[in-house]
Amino acid sequence: MEKVKCLIIGSGPAGYTAAIYTSRANLNPVLYEGIEPGGQLTTTTEIDNYPGYPEGIDGNQLMGHMRKQAERFGADIRRGTVTRADLSSRPFHLVVDGEKQIEADSLIIATGASARYLGLPSETKYRGQGVSACATCDGFFYRKKDVAVVGGGDTACEEATYLASICRQVYMIVRKPYLRASKAMQHRVMNTPNIEVLFEYNTAEVLGDDTGVTGVTIRHNDGKERTLAVAGFFVAIGHHPNTELFRNQLELDAEGYIHTEGNSSKTSVEGVFAAGDVQDPAYRQAITAAGSGCIAALDCERFLLQ
């Protein structure tokens, strides 16, 4: 049984930032990277909106920089996935990869949230090459081009209106005969001239070549197909927080995101902190995740000093 002062679950901007701060505070953190080392940003090519990189930076490279910075201060970063967690008493008891057992005096959860995709092979093929789940992250690359957005809720409407401000034409592919979004969002979409809402359509296939996405084939509920020539394909059907390990142990909201107290990272269990997309259903940006990783580390340090 290994005993650690501070255990961090998950990588990405939140986990790596928490590791940087906790290692500088001499908390000797151990971080397990999980099934996707580096998090969602490793599926993104060019990142233009992270401060400090005026020419932009590749997502894998940015995560590599954060990882090395945490290691420079002594963070113990390991490959592996926490498969079981018992938060009923301190020290917390966790199991990695079904075998290794760890006791932790404190825990920072940075397991993130996974975007929901349609599940099409062609969608997977062009992910990062025109297929995206974040308009504010990737929309800039499609300025003055035609794009498509899948979804009919508030998120899809927000993505579509944002893209409409920089793209030539935005097609919204909505499988129902109506939008599920709030009345205000519906009004905004319907009154934006370069947004065309295509009701009762499903995506049949994402089209592309060596350069990336070139179009999308959609199928109406009556069976008729139509092809849209688009350079970007944005999926906005929601995110799924990676909180299965903590159900019935931590307070979660209706969608499964970890509830944190006020402006802090404190969860419903003393000594357990949450950072990044796992507790943030609203913003989901690399910079906000990094900021919350800093908050979690500071909260954790103060807790251990008590």
Protein backbone atom coordinates (compact mmCIF):
# COMPACT_ATOMS: atom_id res chain seq x y z
CA MET A 1 0.00 0.00 0.00
CA GLU A 2 1.53 3.28 -1.14
CA LYS A 3 0.77 6.42 0.87
CA VAL A 4 0.81 9.89 -0.70
CA LYS A 5 0.11 13.36 0.60
CA CYS A 6 -1.62 14.66 -2.55
CA LEU A 7 -3.03 12.54 -5.36
CA ILE A 8 -4.15 14.14 -8.63
CA ILE A 9 -6.40 12.17 -10.97
CA GLY A 10 -6.39 13.26 -14.60
CA SER A 11 -4.12 15.34 -16.75
CA GLY A 12 -4.86 18.18 -19.15
CA PRO A 13 -4.55 21.86 -18.18
CA ALA A 14 -6.30 21.40 -14.82
CA GLY A 15 -4.34 18.36 -13.67
CA TYR A 16 -0.94 19.56 -14.85
CA THR A 17 -1.44 23.04 -13.36
CA ALA A 18 -2.49 21.51 -10.05
CA ALA A 19 0.69 19.40 -10.20
CA ILE A 20 2.84 22.49 -10.84
CA TYR A 21 1.44 24.35 -7.85
CA THR A 22 1.32 21.42 -5.41
CA SER A 23 4.88 20.36 -6.25
CA ARG A 24 6.14 23.92 -5.73
CA ALA A 25 4.38 23.83 -2.33
CA ASN A 26 6.35 20.67 -1.43
CA LEU A 27 3.25 18.49 -1.30
CA ASN A 28 5.01 15.78 -3.36
CA PRO A 29 2.01 15.21 -5.65
CA VAL A 30 1.47 11.98 -7.55
CA LEU A 31 -0.53 12.42 -10.76
CA TYR A 32 -2.14 9.61 -12.76
CA GLU A 33 -2.80 10.74 -16.31
CA GLY A 34 -5.77 8.49 -17.09
CA ILE A 35 -6.87 7.00 -20.39
CA GLU A 36 -6.11 10.21 -22.37
CA PRO A 37 -2.77 11.69 -21.21
CA GLY A 38 -2.92 15.42 -21.83
CA GLY A 39 -6.71 15.49 -22.05
CA GLN A 40 -8.92 16.73 -24.87
CA LEU A 41 -6.37 19.28 -26.11
CA THR A 42 -4.28 16.44 -27.50
CA THR A 43 -7.02 15.95 -30.12
CA THR A 44 -6.70 19.60 -31.20
CA THR A 45 -4.09 20.72 -33.72
CA GLU A 46 -3.49 24.46 -33.52
CA ILE A 47 -4.50 26.43 -30.40
CA ASP A 48 -4.63 30.16 -31.05
CA ASN A 49 -6.30 31.50 -27.91
CA TYR A 50 -4.04 30.28 -25.09
CA PRO A 51 -2.15 33.29 -23.63
CA GLY A 52 1.58 33.44 -24.16
CA TYR A 53 1.69 31.88 -27.62
CA PRO A 54 1.23 34.73 -30.12
CA GLU A 55 1.76 32.42 -33.10
CA GLY A 56 -0.42 29.65 -31.68
CA ILE A 57 0.71 26.22 -30.49
CA ASP A 58 -0.12 22.59 -31.20
CA GLY A 59 -2.32 21.01 -28.51
CA ASN A 60 0.06 18.12 -27.87
CA GLN A 61 2.98 20.50 -27.59
CA LEU A 62 1.17 22.72 -25.08
CA MET A 63 0.31 19.74 -22.90
CA GLY A 64 3.90 18.52 -23.22
CA HIS A 65 5.14 21.89 -21.95
CA MET A 66 2.81 21.76 -18.94
CA ARG A 67 3.83 18.19 -18.13
CA LYS A 68 7.55 19.03 -18.24
CA GLN A 69 7.02 22.10 -16.09
CA ALA A 70 5.26 20.01 -13.42
CA GLU A 71 8.04 17.43 -13.55
CA ARG A 72 10.68 20.16 -13.20
CA PHE A 73 9.27 20.98 -9.78
CA GLY A 74 9.19 17.33 -8.73
CA ALA A 75 5.69 16.14 -9.58
CA ASP A 76 5.52 12.34 -9.94
CA ILE A 77 3.53 11.90 -13.15
CA ARG A 78 2.54 8.35 -13.99
CA ARG A 79 0.70 6.50 -16.71
CA GLY A 80 -2.34 4.69 -15.34
CA THR A 81 -6.04 5.03 -14.59
CA VAL A 82 -7.73 5.13 -11.21
CA THR A 83 -10.35 2.39 -11.44
CA ARG A 84 -11.81 2.48 -7.94
CA ALA A 85 -12.14 5.12 -5.23
CA ASP A 86 -13.36 5.00 -1.65
CA LEU A 87 -13.85 8.49 -0.24
CA SER A 88 -15.75 7.43 2.88
CA SER A 89 -12.82 8.11 5.21
CA ARG A 90 -9.38 9.70 5.24
CA PRO A 91 -6.88 8.73 4.09
CA PHE A 92 -8.79 8.04 0.88
CA HIS A 93 -8.34 4.60 -0.64
CA LEU A 94 -7.85 4.33 -4.40
CA VAL A 95 -6.97 1.54 -6.81
CA VAL A 96 -5.01 2.10 -10.04
CA ASP A 97 -5.53 -0.17 -13.06
CA GLY A 98 -7.40 -2.64 -10.87
CA GLU A 99 -4.28 -3.58 -8.92
CA LYS A 100 -2.12 -0.93 -7.26
CA GLN A 101 -3.55 0.42 -4.01
CA ILE A 102 -2.92 3.96 -2.79
CA GLU A 103 -3.87 5.89 0.34
CA ALA A 104 -4.09 9.65 -0.14
CA ASP A 105 -4.37 12.42 2.46
CA SER A 106 -5.91 14.70 -0.16
CA LEU A 107 -7.32 14.29 -3.64
CA ILE A 108 -7.62 16.61 -6.65
CA ILE A 109 -10.01 15.37 -9.33
CA ALA A 110 -9.27 16.67 -12.84
CA THR A 111 -10.79 13.91 -14.94
CA GLY A 112 -12.46 16.31 -17.38
CA ALA A 113 -15.55 15.95 -19.50
CA SER A 114 -15.81 14.15 -22.81
CA ALA A 115 -17.65 15.66 -25.74
CA ARG A 116 -20.50 13.56 -27.04
CA TYR A 117 -20.07 12.64 -30.70
CA LEU A 118 -22.42 11.02 -33.18
CA GLY A 119 -20.39 7.84 -33.48
CA LEU A 120 -19.85 7.92 -37.24
CA PRO A 121 -16.59 6.38 -38.54
CA SER A 122 -16.13 9.37 -40.88
CA GLU A 123 -16.61 11.74 -37.94
CA THR A 124 -13.83 9.97 -36.06
CA LYS A 125 -11.60 9.97 -39.14
CA TYR A 126 -11.69 13.76 -39.52
CA ARG A 127 -11.64 14.69 -35.83
CA GLY A 128 -9.11 17.50 -35.54
CA GLN A 129 -9.20 17.96 -39.33
CA GLY A 130 -12.47 19.83 -39.60
CA VAL A 131 -14.54 17.94 -37.04
CA SER A 132 -14.64 19.74 -33.69
CA ALA A 133 -16.71 19.91 -30.51
CA CYS A 134 -15.67 23.48 -29.62
CA ALA A 135 -16.50 26.47 -31.80
CA THR A 136 -14.68 28.98 -29.59
CA CYS A 137 -11.56 26.79 -29.77
CA ASP A 138 -11.52 26.07 -33.49
CA GLY A 139 -13.95 28.45 -35.17
CA PHE A 140 -11.21 30.93 -36.09
CA PHE A 141 -9.79 28.48 -38.65
CA TYR A 142 -13.03 28.69 -40.67
CA ARG A 143 -13.34 32.45 -41.01
CA LYS A 144 -15.37 33.42 -44.09
CA LYS A 145 -16.03 29.72 -44.85
CA ASP A 146 -19.17 27.59 -44.67
CA VAL A 147 -19.63 25.33 -41.64
CA ALA A 148 -22.24 23.01 -40.11
CA VAL A 149 -23.35 22.63 -36.48
CA VAL A 150 -25.15 19.52 -35.20
CA GLY A 151 -27.61 19.96 -32.34
CA GLY A 152 -30.70 21.87 -31.32
CA GLY A 153 -30.11 22.91 -27.72
CA ASP A 154 -28.66 26.01 -26.12
CA THR A 155 -25.08 24.88 -26.70
CA ALA A 156 -25.68 24.31 -30.41
CA CYS A 157 -27.38 27.70 -30.75
CA GLU A 158 -24.53 29.44 -28.92
CA GLU A 159 -21.98 27.71 -31.15
CA ALA A 160 -23.96 28.60 -34.29
CA THR A 161 -24.34 32.28 -33.41
CA TYR A 162 -20.65 32.54 -32.53
CA LEU A 163 -19.66 30.91 -35.81
CA ALA A 164 -22.09 33.14 -37.71
CA SER A 165 -20.07 36.15 -36.56
CA ILE A 166 -16.93 34.89 -38.32
CA CYS A 167 -18.09 32.41 -40.97
CA ARG A 168 -19.84 33.01 -44.27
CA GLN A 169 -22.66 30.50 -43.79
CA VAL A 170 -23.70 28.30 -40.87
CA TYR A 171 -25.99 25.29 -41.30
CA MET A 172 -27.66 23.90 -38.19
CA ILE A 173 -28.52 20.21 -38.51
CA VAL A 174 -31.42 19.48 -36.14
CA ARG A 175 -32.98 16.02 -35.94
CA LYS A 176 -36.24 17.24 -34.40
CA PRO A 177 -38.82 19.56 -36.03
CA TYR A 178 -38.01 22.22 -33.44
CA LEU A 179 -35.14 23.70 -31.41
CA ARG A 180 -34.79 22.63 -27.76
CA ALA A 181 -32.97 25.83 -26.84
CA SER A 182 -34.41 28.63 -24.73
CA LYS A 183 -36.74 31.11 -26.43
CA ALA A 184 -34.06 33.80 -26.32
CA MET A 185 -31.52 31.56 -28.06
CA GLN A 186 -34.08 30.44 -30.64
CA HIS A 187 -34.91 34.06 -31.41
CA ARG A 188 -31.23 34.90 -31.83
CA VAL A 189 -30.65 31.99 -34.23
CA MET A 190 -33.76 32.63 -36.30
CA ASN A 191 -32.83 36.30 -36.66
CA THR A 192 -29.26 35.73 -37.75
CA PRO A 193 -29.24 36.01 -41.57
CA ASN A 194 -26.38 33.61 -42.27
CA ILE A 195 -27.72 30.74 -40.13
CA GLU A 196 -29.92 28.21 -41.93
CA VAL A 197 -31.69 25.72 -39.67
CA LEU A 198 -32.31 22.35 -41.29
CA PHE A 199 -35.02 20.63 -39.27
CA GLU A 200 -35.62 16.86 -39.23
CA TYR A 201 -32.21 16.01 -40.63
CA ASN A 202 -29.64 13.54 -39.38
CA THR A 203 -25.97 13.36 -40.34
CA ALA A 204 -25.31 10.39 -42.63
CA GLU A 205 -21.60 10.92 -43.34
CA VAL A 206 -18.83 13.48 -43.00
CA LEU A 207 -17.01 13.95 -46.30
CA GLY A 208 -13.37 14.86 -46.75
CA ASP A 209 -9.99 14.31 -48.35
CA ASP A 210 -6.33 14.74 -47.41
CA THR A 211 -6.94 18.38 -46.55
CA GLY A 212 -9.73 17.61 -44.07
CA VAL A 213 -13.51 18.05 -44.13
CA THR A 214 -15.03 19.07 -47.46
CA GLY A 215 -18.70 18.44 -46.80
CA VAL A 216 -21.41 16.50 -45.03
CA THR A 217 -24.23 14.27 -46.25
CA ILE A 218 -27.46 14.71 -44.31
CA ARG A 219 -30.62 12.61 -44.46
CA HIS A 220 -34.13 13.95 -43.93
CA ASN A 221 -36.63 11.93 -41.93
CA ASP A 222 -38.41 11.14 -45.21
CA GLY A 223 -35.24 9.45 -46.50
CA LYS A 224 -34.10 12.13 -48.93
CA GLU A 225 -30.39 13.00 -48.77
CA ARG A 226 -28.63 16.30 -49.29
CA THR A 227 -24.95 17.22 -49.40
CA LEU A 228 -23.64 20.43 -47.86
CA ALA A 229 -20.26 21.81 -48.94
CA VAL A 230 -18.65 22.82 -45.63
CA ALA A 231 -15.10 23.13 -44.34
CA GLY A 232 -15.96 22.68 -40.66
CA PHE A 233 -18.29 20.27 -38.86
CA PHE A 234 -19.09 21.18 -35.24
CA VAL A 235 -20.79 18.68 -32.94
CA ALA A 236 -22.76 20.39 -30.17
CA ILE A 237 -24.84 17.65 -28.58
CA GLY A 238 -23.39 18.01 -25.09
CA HIS A 239 -20.58 16.78 -22.88
CA HIS A 240 -20.35 13.91 -20.43
CA PRO A 241 -18.39 14.61 -17.21
CA ASN A 242 -16.04 11.79 -16.28
CA THR A 243 -17.42 11.28 -12.79
CA GLU A 244 -18.57 7.64 -12.80
CA LEU A 245 -16.00 6.79 -10.10
CA PHE A 246 -17.53 9.28 -7.69
CA ARG A 247 -21.26 8.70 -8.03
CA ASN A 248 -22.91 8.26 -4.62
CA GLN A 249 -19.70 9.58 -3.00
CA LEU A 250 -19.60 13.24 -4.06
CA GLU A 251 -22.39 15.72 -4.63
CA LEU A 252 -23.02 15.98 -8.37
CA ASP A 253 -25.41 18.18 -10.31
CA ALA A 254 -28.21 16.86 -12.50
CA GLU A 255 -25.84 16.31 -15.43
CA GLY A 256 -23.16 14.61 -13.35
CA TYR A 257 -20.72 17.50 -12.89
CA ILE A 258 -19.03 17.72 -9.48
CA HIS A 259 -20.52 20.42 -7.30
CA THR A 260 -17.95 22.78 -5.75
CA GLU A 261 -18.53 25.31 -2.96
CA GLY A 262 -18.80 28.94 -4.06
CA ASN A 263 -15.69 30.12 -5.89
CA SER A 264 -13.57 27.35 -4.39
CA SER A 265 -12.65 23.86 -5.59
CA LYS A 266 -13.98 22.21 -2.41
CA THR A 267 -16.35 19.29 -2.96
CA SER A 268 -18.89 17.77 -0.57
CA VAL A 269 -16.10 15.61 0.95
CA GLU A 270 -13.47 17.36 3.03
CA GLY A 271 -10.03 16.94 1.49
CA VAL A 272 -11.36 16.28 -2.01
CA PHE A 273 -11.07 19.05 -4.60
CA ALA A 274 -12.25 19.29 -8.22
CA ALA A 275 -10.76 21.25 -11.10
CA GLY A 276 -11.38 21.76 -14.81
CA ASP A 277 -14.18 20.52 -17.00
CA VAL A 278 -15.26 17.88 -14.49
CA GLN A 279 -16.83 20.71 -12.45
CA ASP A 280 -17.35 23.32 -15.19
CA PRO A 281 -20.30 22.80 -17.55
CA ALA A 282 -20.27 26.44 -18.69
CA TYR A 283 -16.87 27.49 -20.07
CA ARG A 284 -14.77 24.39 -20.88
CA GLN A 285 -11.69 26.33 -22.02
CA ALA A 286 -8.05 25.40 -21.52
CA ILE A 287 -7.34 28.68 -19.72
CA THR A 288 -10.27 28.31 -17.29
CA ALA A 289 -9.30 24.70 -16.61
CA ALA A 290 -5.72 25.76 -15.84
CA GLY A 291 -7.00 28.49 -13.55
CA SER A 292 -9.20 26.07 -11.63
CA GLY A 293 -6.24 23.69 -11.34
CA CYS A 294 -4.36 26.49 -9.57
CA ILE A 295 -7.35 27.09 -7.27
CA ALA A 296 -7.56 23.38 -6.40
CA ALA A 297 -3.85 23.24 -5.58
CA LEU A 298 -4.06 26.28 -3.29
CA ASP A 299 -7.17 24.92 -1.57
CA CYS A 300 -5.44 21.58 -1.13
CA GLU A 301 -2.32 23.19 0.33
CA ARG A 302 -4.36 25.17 2.85
CA PHE A 303 -6.29 22.05 3.82
CA LEU A 304 -3.14 20.04 4.48
CA LEU A 305 -1.62 22.88 6.54
CA GLN A 306 -4.61 22.94 8.90
